């Protein structure tokens, strides 16, 4: 009799836990390399916090098939320095977005070193593949002020591996910060560097933030495009 009573419980324990379904799994990968000061780290976080709680971004989330997306925020540096600032969180409305934004501002900086773009992209891929969320779409949203890769896996090889896994890579090119000086890229514009060496996948694009005031707006526009799933944009989107 006691065993009979246990059987339903054991059956429940043995049953697989269903993964949470969302429209989009989005890894926000923010530059925390040596060219980014601690003040700029906070500035970037504030820009993302402001964008994620913007009514237009929340409306884009509400308009998805499931009415929800999953986001995590990562700061990347050298090959062994990637920090998950905010772990995966499902955003379905204002309350969750506000909670994500608040969690983004407090943690200390923990990522440092020279550019390891390949390592960062593979880290983002692992975050998507190893979570317990099922999204229709998968995007790594990658920001940087240069496309140089100085250690770790080659960008080209990592990019190919990410794209082969069905993950789209979009970009936020930080062309100027401060903004006392412009920031270019080796061999040409940073937009062209992102287009040729980093972004890829269906509808992939790069948005440029070419001044401090433009940063939060660039993040907002990029998030709306990614969340809404709009395609047919040029690889280098208008600033």
C-alpha atoms as a PDB file:
ATOM      1  CA  UNK A   1       0.000   0.000   0.000  1.00  0.00           C
ATOM      2  CA  UNK A   2       2.795   2.358   0.895  1.00  0.00           C
ATOM      3  CA  UNK A   3       4.607   1.482  -2.363  1.00  0.00           C
ATOM      4  CA  UNK A   4       1.436   2.180  -4.309  1.00  0.00           C
ATOM      5  CA  UNK A   5       1.254   5.593  -2.735  1.00  0.00           C
ATOM      6  CA  UNK A   6       4.874   6.223  -3.672  1.00  0.00           C
ATOM      7  CA  UNK A   7       4.495   5.261  -7.334  1.00  0.00           C
ATOM      8  CA  UNK A   8       2.813   8.544  -8.400  1.00  0.00           C
ATOM      9  CA  UNK A   9       5.513  10.503  -6.591  1.00  0.00           C
ATOM     10  CA  UNK A  10       8.285   8.476  -8.196  1.00  0.00           C
ATOM     11  CA  UNK A  11       6.679   8.949 -11.586  1.00  0.00           C
ATOM     12  CA  UNK A  12       6.666  12.704 -11.083  1.00  0.00           C
ATOM     13  CA  UNK A  13      10.309  12.691 -10.022  1.00  0.00           C
ATOM     14  CA  UNK A  14      11.260  10.678 -13.097  1.00  0.00           C
ATOM     15  CA  UNK A  15       9.345  12.893 -15.503  1.00  0.00           C
ATOM     16  CA  UNK A  16      11.559  15.331 -17.455  1.00  0.00           C
ATOM     17  CA  UNK A  17      11.207  18.989 -16.583  1.00  0.00           C
ATOM     18  CA  UNK A  18       9.964  20.904 -19.600  1.00  0.00           C
ATOM     19  CA  UNK A  19      12.281  23.646 -20.818  1.00  0.00           C
ATOM     20  CA  UNK A  20      10.838  27.135 -20.768  1.00  0.00           C
ATOM     21  CA  UNK A  21       9.875  28.319 -24.240  1.00  0.00           C
ATOM     22  CA  UNK A  22      10.498  31.867 -25.428  1.00  0.00           C
ATOM     23  CA  UNK A  23      10.662  33.607 -28.773  1.00  0.00           C
ATOM     24  CA  UNK A  24      14.331  34.618 -28.520  1.00  0.00           C
ATOM     25  CA  UNK A  25      17.457  33.692 -26.558  1.00  0.00           C
ATOM     26  CA  UNK A  26      19.692  36.766 -26.607  1.00  0.00           C
ATOM     27  CA  UNK A  27      23.262  36.971 -25.280  1.00  0.00           C
ATOM     28  CA  UNK A  28      24.341  40.575 -24.758  1.00  0.00           C
ATOM     29  CA  UNK A  29      28.152  40.578 -24.951  1.00  0.00           C
ATOM     30  CA  UNK A  30      29.654  43.906 -23.877  1.00  0.00           C
ATOM     31  CA  UNK A  31      33.254  44.975 -24.428  1.00  0.00           C
ATOM     32  CA  UNK A  32      35.297  44.996 -21.202  1.00  0.00           C
ATOM     33  CA  UNK A  33      38.769  44.919 -22.745  1.00  0.00           C
ATOM     34  CA  UNK A  34      41.677  47.160 -21.813  1.00  0.00           C
ATOM     35  CA  UNK A  35      40.449  50.061 -23.940  1.00  0.00           C
ATOM     36  CA  UNK A  36      37.267  50.268 -21.862  1.00  0.00           C
ATOM     37  CA  UNK A  37      37.568  52.123 -18.552  1.00  0.00           C
ATOM     38  CA  UNK A  38      35.621  51.178 -15.433  1.00  0.00           C
ATOM     39  CA  UNK A  39      33.547  54.326 -15.900  1.00  0.00           C
ATOM     40  CA  UNK A  40      32.734  53.239 -19.442  1.00  0.00           C
ATOM     41  CA  UNK A  41      31.740  49.790 -18.173  1.00  0.00           C
ATOM     42  CA  UNK A  42      29.094  51.458 -16.007  1.00  0.00           C
ATOM     43  CA  UNK A  43      28.097  53.738 -18.886  1.00  0.00           C
ATOM     44  CA  UNK A  44      27.510  50.715 -21.125  1.00  0.00           C
ATOM     45  CA  UNK A  45      25.472  48.945 -18.451  1.00  0.00           C
ATOM     46  CA  UNK A  46      23.359  52.054 -17.914  1.00  0.00           C
ATOM     47  CA  UNK A  47      22.728  52.261 -21.652  1.00  0.00           C
ATOM     48  CA  UNK A  48      21.478  48.683 -21.773  1.00  0.00           C
ATOM     49  CA  UNK A  49      19.407  49.131 -18.605  1.00  0.00           C
ATOM     50  CA  UNK A  50      17.775  52.230 -20.075  1.00  0.00           C
ATOM     51  CA  UNK A  51      17.073  50.509 -23.387  1.00  0.00           C
ATOM     52  CA  UNK A  52      15.633  47.320 -21.880  1.00  0.00           C
ATOM     53  CA  UNK A  53      13.084  49.260 -19.827  1.00  0.00           C
ATOM     54  CA  UNK A  54      12.076  51.540 -22.697  1.00  0.00           C
ATOM     55  CA  UNK A  55       8.362  51.266 -23.616  1.00  0.00           C
ATOM     56  CA  UNK A  56       9.189  50.601 -27.274  1.00  0.00           C
ATOM     57  CA  UNK A  57      11.451  47.675 -26.373  1.00  0.00           C
ATOM     58  CA  UNK A  58       8.802  46.288 -24.011  1.00  0.00           C
ATOM     59  CA  UNK A  59       6.229  46.612 -26.798  1.00  0.00           C
ATOM     60  CA  UNK A  60       8.527  44.648 -29.122  1.00  0.00           C
ATOM     61  CA  UNK A  61       8.781  41.878 -26.513  1.00  0.00           C
ATOM     62  CA  UNK A  62       4.999  41.810 -26.064  1.00  0.00           C
ATOM     63  CA  UNK A  63       4.612  41.481 -29.823  1.00  0.00           C
ATOM     64  CA  UNK A  64       6.656  38.270 -30.108  1.00  0.00           C
ATOM     65  CA  UNK A  65       5.019  34.871 -30.562  1.00  0.00           C
ATOM     66  CA  UNK A  66       5.404  33.942 -26.892  1.00  0.00           C
ATOM     67  CA  UNK A  67       5.358  37.465 -25.487  1.00  0.00           C
ATOM     68  CA  UNK A  68       8.673  36.797 -23.796  1.00  0.00           C
ATOM     69  CA  UNK A  69      12.402  36.586 -24.485  1.00  0.00           C
ATOM     70  CA  UNK A  70      15.390  35.323 -22.507  1.00  0.00           C
ATOM     71  CA  UNK A  71      18.431  37.556 -21.987  1.00  0.00           C
ATOM     72  CA  UNK A  72      21.807  37.289 -20.303  1.00  0.00           C
ATOM     73  CA  UNK A  73      24.476  40.028 -20.056  1.00  0.00           C
ATOM     74  CA  UNK A  74      28.156  39.124 -20.389  1.00  0.00           C
ATOM     75  CA  UNK A  75      31.303  41.262 -20.298  1.00  0.00           C
ATOM     76  CA  UNK A  76      34.222  39.896 -22.295  1.00  0.00           C
ATOM     77  CA  UNK A  77      37.961  40.545 -22.245  1.00  0.00           C
ATOM     78  CA  UNK A  78      40.896  38.219 -22.928  1.00  0.00           C
ATOM     79  CA  UNK A  79      40.552  34.515 -23.768  1.00  0.00           C
ATOM     80  CA  UNK A  80      39.976  33.418 -20.150  1.00  0.00           C
ATOM     81  CA  UNK A  81      38.079  36.477 -18.960  1.00  0.00           C
ATOM     82  CA  UNK A  82      34.340  36.371 -19.678  1.00  0.00           C
ATOM     83  CA  UNK A  83      31.985  37.347 -16.873  1.00  0.00           C
ATOM     84  CA  UNK A  84      28.248  36.654 -16.703  1.00  0.00           C
ATOM     85  CA  UNK A  85      27.093  39.883 -15.081  1.00  0.00           C
ATOM     86  CA  UNK A  86      23.399  38.911 -15.165  1.00  0.00           C
ATOM     87  CA  UNK A  87      22.476  35.240 -15.751  1.00  0.00           C
ATOM     88  CA  UNK A  88      19.631  34.135 -17.981  1.00  0.00           C
ATOM     89  CA  UNK A  89      16.361  35.883 -17.163  1.00  0.00           C
ATOM     90  CA  UNK A  90      13.043  35.617 -18.961  1.00  0.00           C
ATOM     91  CA  UNK A  91      11.602  39.058 -19.740  1.00  0.00           C
ATOM     92  CA  UNK A  92       7.848  39.156 -20.307  1.00  0.00           C
ATOM     93  CA  UNK A  93       7.002  42.641 -19.123  1.00  0.00           C
ATOM     94  CA  UNK A  94       7.951  45.757 -17.219  1.00  0.00           C
ATOM     95  CA  UNK A  95       8.632  44.067 -13.865  1.00  0.00           C
ATOM     96  CA  UNK A  96      11.131  41.549 -15.280  1.00  0.00           C
ATOM     97  CA  UNK A  97      12.840  44.208 -17.396  1.00  0.00           C
ATOM     98  CA  UNK A  98      13.225  46.448 -14.345  1.00  0.00           C
ATOM     99  CA  UNK A  99      14.657  43.560 -12.334  1.00  0.00           C
ATOM    100  CA  UNK A 100      17.187  42.801 -15.072  1.00  0.00           C
ATOM    101  CA  UNK A 101      18.173  46.475 -15.309  1.00  0.00           C
ATOM    102  CA  UNK A 102      18.661  46.712 -11.532  1.00  0.00           C
ATOM    103  CA  UNK A 103      20.775  43.533 -11.450  1.00  0.00           C
ATOM    104  CA  UNK A 104      22.945  44.930 -14.229  1.00  0.00           C
ATOM    105  CA  UNK A 105      24.167  48.002 -12.367  1.00  0.00           C
ATOM    106  CA  UNK A 106      25.542  46.614  -9.090  1.00  0.00           C
ATOM    107  CA  UNK A 107      28.143  43.867  -9.794  1.00  0.00           C
ATOM    108  CA  UNK A 108      31.815  44.897  -9.943  1.00  0.00           C
ATOM    109  CA  UNK A 109      33.831  44.655 -13.122  1.00  0.00           C
ATOM    110  CA  UNK A 110      35.417  41.219 -13.429  1.00  0.00           C
ATOM    111  CA  UNK A 111      36.501  40.981 -17.099  1.00  0.00           C
ATOM    112  CA  UNK A 112      39.807  42.408 -18.329  1.00  0.00           C
ATOM    113  CA  UNK A 113      42.532  41.958 -20.939  1.00  0.00           C
ATOM    114  CA  UNK A 114      43.177  42.351 -24.651  1.00  0.00           C
ATOM    115  CA  UNK A 115      40.605  41.422 -27.279  1.00  0.00           C
ATOM    116  CA  UNK A 116      39.697  37.736 -27.532  1.00  0.00           C
ATOM    117  CA  UNK A 117      36.703  37.950 -29.851  1.00  0.00           C
ATOM    118  CA  UNK A 118      36.801  34.287 -30.850  1.00  0.00           C
ATOM    119  CA  UNK A 119      36.740  33.150 -27.217  1.00  0.00           C
ATOM    120  CA  UNK A 120      33.867  35.533 -26.470  1.00  0.00           C
ATOM    121  CA  UNK A 121      31.757  34.240 -29.363  1.00  0.00           C
ATOM    122  CA  UNK A 122      32.289  30.620 -28.322  1.00  0.00           C
ATOM    123  CA  UNK A 123      31.405  31.532 -24.725  1.00  0.00           C
ATOM    124  CA  UNK A 124      28.131  33.019 -25.970  1.00  0.00           C
ATOM    125  CA  UNK A 125      27.431  29.881 -27.993  1.00  0.00           C
ATOM    126  CA  UNK A 126      27.917  27.706 -24.898  1.00  0.00           C
ATOM    127  CA  UNK A 127      25.548  29.891 -22.880  1.00  0.00           C
ATOM    128  CA  UNK A 128      22.814  29.333 -25.466  1.00  0.00           C
ATOM    129  CA  UNK A 129      23.388  25.614 -25.883  1.00  0.00           C
ATOM    130  CA  UNK A 130      23.710  24.764 -22.185  1.00  0.00           C
ATOM    131  CA  UNK A 131      20.740  26.626 -20.694  1.00  0.00           C
ATOM    132  CA  UNK A 132      17.310  25.135 -19.933  1.00  0.00           C
ATOM    133  CA  UNK A 133      15.439  27.502 -22.250  1.00  0.00           C
ATOM    134  CA  UNK A 134      14.049  26.748 -25.696  1.00  0.00           C
ATOM    135  CA  UNK A 135      13.927  29.744 -28.002  1.00  0.00           C
ATOM    136  CA  UNK A 136      12.774  29.936 -31.597  1.00  0.00           C
ATOM    137  CA  UNK A 137      15.693  32.204 -32.385  1.00  0.00           C
ATOM    138  CA  UNK A 138      19.228  32.526 -31.004  1.00  0.00           C
ATOM    139  CA  UNK A 139      21.316  35.696 -31.197  1.00  0.00           C
ATOM    140  CA  UNK A 140      24.667  36.834 -29.846  1.00  0.00           C
ATOM    141  CA  UNK A 141      24.613  40.626 -29.626  1.00  0.00           C
ATOM    142  CA  UNK A 142      28.311  41.552 -29.710  1.00  0.00           C
ATOM    143  CA  UNK A 143      29.751  44.993 -28.892  1.00  0.00           C
ATOM    144  CA  UNK A 144      33.342  46.152 -29.344  1.00  0.00           C
ATOM    145  CA  UNK A 145      35.422  49.201 -30.192  1.00  0.00           C
ATOM    146  CA  UNK A 146      37.772  47.177 -32.427  1.00  0.00           C
ATOM    147  CA  UNK A 147      37.674  43.963 -34.431  1.00  0.00           C
ATOM    148  CA  UNK A 148      41.250  43.016 -33.547  1.00  0.00           C
ATOM    149  CA  UNK A 149      41.766  39.567 -31.990  1.00  0.00           C
ATOM    150  CA  UNK A 150      44.944  39.207 -29.928  1.00  0.00           C
ATOM    151  CA  UNK A 151      44.603  35.890 -28.088  1.00  0.00           C
ATOM    152  CA  UNK A 152      42.473  32.774 -27.921  1.00  0.00           C
ATOM    153  CA  UNK A 153      40.680  31.118 -30.867  1.00  0.00           C
ATOM    154  CA  UNK A 154      40.677  32.891 -34.221  1.00  0.00           C
ATOM    155  CA  UNK A 155      37.635  35.065 -34.854  1.00  0.00           C
ATOM    156  CA  UNK A 156      36.974  33.442 -38.232  1.00  0.00           C
ATOM    157  CA  UNK A 157      36.937  29.899 -36.837  1.00  0.00           C
ATOM    158  CA  UNK A 158      34.779  30.825 -33.843  1.00  0.00           C
ATOM    159  CA  UNK A 159      32.365  32.778 -36.036  1.00  0.00           C
ATOM    160  CA  UNK A 160      31.990  29.807 -38.381  1.00  0.00           C
ATOM    161  CA  UNK A 161      31.281  27.484 -35.440  1.00  0.00           C
ATOM    162  CA  UNK A 162      28.650  29.830 -34.010  1.00  0.00           C
ATOM    163  CA  UNK A 163      26.891  30.258 -37.351  1.00  0.00           C
ATOM    164  CA  UNK A 164      26.954  26.495 -37.986  1.00  0.00           C
ATOM    165  CA  UNK A 165      25.036  26.090 -34.718  1.00  0.00           C
ATOM    166  CA  UNK A 166      22.216  28.248 -36.074  1.00  0.00           C
ATOM    167  CA  UNK A 167      23.084  31.291 -33.974  1.00  0.00           C
ATOM    168  CA  UNK A 168      23.000  34.767 -35.520  1.00  0.00           C
ATOM    169  CA  UNK A 169      25.676  37.317 -34.575  1.00  0.00           C
ATOM    170  CA  UNK A 170      24.722  40.996 -34.604  1.00  0.00           C
ATOM    171  CA  UNK A 171      27.026  43.842 -33.714  1.00  0.00           C
ATOM    172  CA  UNK A 172      27.232  47.133 -31.875  1.00  0.00           C
ATOM    173  CA  UNK A 173      30.299  49.012 -33.096  1.00  0.00           C
ATOM    174  CA  UNK A 174      31.494  51.526 -30.520  1.00  0.00           C
ATOM    175  CA  UNK A 175      33.090  54.091 -32.790  1.00  0.00           C
ATOM    176  CA  UNK A 176      33.580  56.834 -30.260  1.00  0.00           C
ATOM    177  CA  UNK A 177      33.276  57.174 -26.492  1.00  0.00           C
ATOM    178  CA  UNK A 178      33.729  60.190 -24.321  1.00  0.00           C
ATOM    179  CA  UNK A 179      33.909  61.606 -26.956  1.00  0.00           C
ATOM    180  CA  UNK A 180      37.299  63.299 -27.098  1.00  0.00           C
ATOM    181  CA  UNK A 181      38.634  61.094 -29.881  1.00  0.00           C
ATOM    182  CA  UNK A 182      37.294  58.880 -32.635  1.00  0.00           C
ATOM    183  CA  UNK A 183      37.860  55.168 -32.622  1.00  0.00           C
ATOM    184  CA  UNK A 184      38.495  53.520 -35.942  1.00  0.00           C
ATOM    185  CA  UNK A 185      39.577  50.016 -36.867  1.00  0.00           C
ATOM    186  CA  UNK A 186      42.526  48.369 -38.510  1.00  0.00           C
ATOM    187  CA  UNK A 187      42.405  48.760 -42.258  1.00  0.00           C
ATOM    188  CA  UNK A 188      39.192  50.771 -42.482  1.00  0.00           C
ATOM    189  CA  UNK A 189      35.963  51.615 -40.715  1.00  0.00           C
ATOM    190  CA  UNK A 190      34.825  49.654 -37.699  1.00  0.00           C
ATOM    191  CA  UNK A 191      31.478  49.034 -39.423  1.00  0.00           C
ATOM    192  CA  UNK A 192      33.225  47.307 -42.326  1.00  0.00           C
ATOM    193  CA  UNK A 193      35.309  45.276 -39.855  1.00  0.00           C
ATOM    194  CA  UNK A 194      32.176  44.039 -38.098  1.00  0.00           C
ATOM    195  CA  UNK A 195      30.496  43.249 -41.406  1.00  0.00           C
ATOM    196  CA  UNK A 196      33.430  41.318 -42.819  1.00  0.00           C
ATOM    197  CA  UNK A 197      34.749  39.528 -39.726  1.00  0.00           C
ATOM    198  CA  UNK A 198      32.134  39.259 -36.975  1.00  0.00           C
ATOM    199  CA  UNK A 199      28.422  39.443 -37.837  1.00  0.00           C
ATOM    200  CA  UNK A 200      26.606  36.658 -39.652  1.00  0.00           C
ATOM    201  CA  UNK A 201      23.434  34.622 -39.892  1.00  0.00           C
ATOM    202  CA  UNK A 202      19.900  35.456 -41.095  1.00  0.00           C
ATOM    203  CA  UNK A 203      19.261  39.201 -41.047  1.00  0.00           C
ATOM    204  CA  UNK A 204      22.591  39.968 -39.340  1.00  0.00           C
ATOM    205  CA  UNK A 205      23.481  43.649 -38.990  1.00  0.00           C
ATOM    206  CA  UNK A 206      25.707  46.078 -37.123  1.00  0.00           C
ATOM    207  CA  UNK A 207      24.606  49.354 -35.531  1.00  0.00           C
ATOM    208  CA  UNK A 208      27.157  52.051 -34.719  1.00  0.00           C
ATOM    209  CA  UNK A 209      27.308  54.252 -31.630  1.00  0.00           C
ATOM    210  CA  UNK A 210      29.492  57.164 -32.712  1.00  0.00           C
ATOM    211  CA  UNK A 211      29.035  59.382 -29.645  1.00  0.00           C
ATOM    212  CA  UNK A 212      28.235  59.021 -25.968  1.00  0.00           C
ATOM    213  CA  UNK A 213      24.693  60.421 -26.288  1.00  0.00           C
ATOM    214  CA  UNK A 214      24.011  58.021 -29.177  1.00  0.00           C
ATOM    215  CA  UNK A 215      24.928  54.869 -27.247  1.00  0.00           C
ATOM    216  CA  UNK A 216      21.627  54.191 -25.461  1.00  0.00           C
ATOM    217  CA  UNK A 217      19.674  55.028 -28.614  1.00  0.00           C
ATOM    218  CA  UNK A 218      21.816  52.637 -30.671  1.00  0.00           C
ATOM    219  CA  UNK A 219      21.252  49.879 -28.111  1.00  0.00           C
ATOM    220  CA  UNK A 220      17.506  50.543 -28.132  1.00  0.00           C
ATOM    221  CA  UNK A 221      17.240  50.438 -31.933  1.00  0.00           C
ATOM    222  CA  UNK A 222      19.309  47.265 -32.085  1.00  0.00           C
ATOM    223  CA  UNK A 223      17.215  45.514 -29.430  1.00  0.00           C
ATOM    224  CA  UNK A 224      13.964  46.407 -31.178  1.00  0.00           C
ATOM    225  CA  UNK A 225      15.268  44.988 -34.462  1.00  0.00           C
ATOM    226  CA  UNK A 226      16.500  41.802 -32.801  1.00  0.00           C
ATOM    227  CA  UNK A 227      13.402  41.219 -30.692  1.00  0.00           C
ATOM    228  CA  UNK A 228      10.950  41.932 -33.502  1.00  0.00           C
ATOM    229  CA  UNK A 229      12.842  39.615 -35.855  1.00  0.00           C
ATOM    230  CA  UNK A 230      12.922  42.114 -38.700  1.00  0.00           C
ATOM    231  CA  UNK A 231      15.011  41.021 -41.688  1.00  0.00           C
ATOM    232  CA  UNK A 232      16.010  42.519 -44.978  1.00  0.00           C
ATOM    233  CA  UNK A 233      18.161  45.208 -43.366  1.00  0.00           C
ATOM    234  CA  UNK A 234      21.559  46.130 -44.785  1.00  0.00           C
ATOM    235  CA  UNK A 235      24.454  44.395 -43.018  1.00  0.00           C
ATOM    236  CA  UNK A 236      25.565  47.830 -41.816  1.00  0.00           C
ATOM    237  CA  UNK A 237      22.459  49.540 -40.469  1.00  0.00           C
ATOM    238  CA  UNK A 238      21.993  53.298 -40.426  1.00  0.00           C
ATOM    239  CA  UNK A 239      23.416  55.099 -37.402  1.00  0.00           C
END
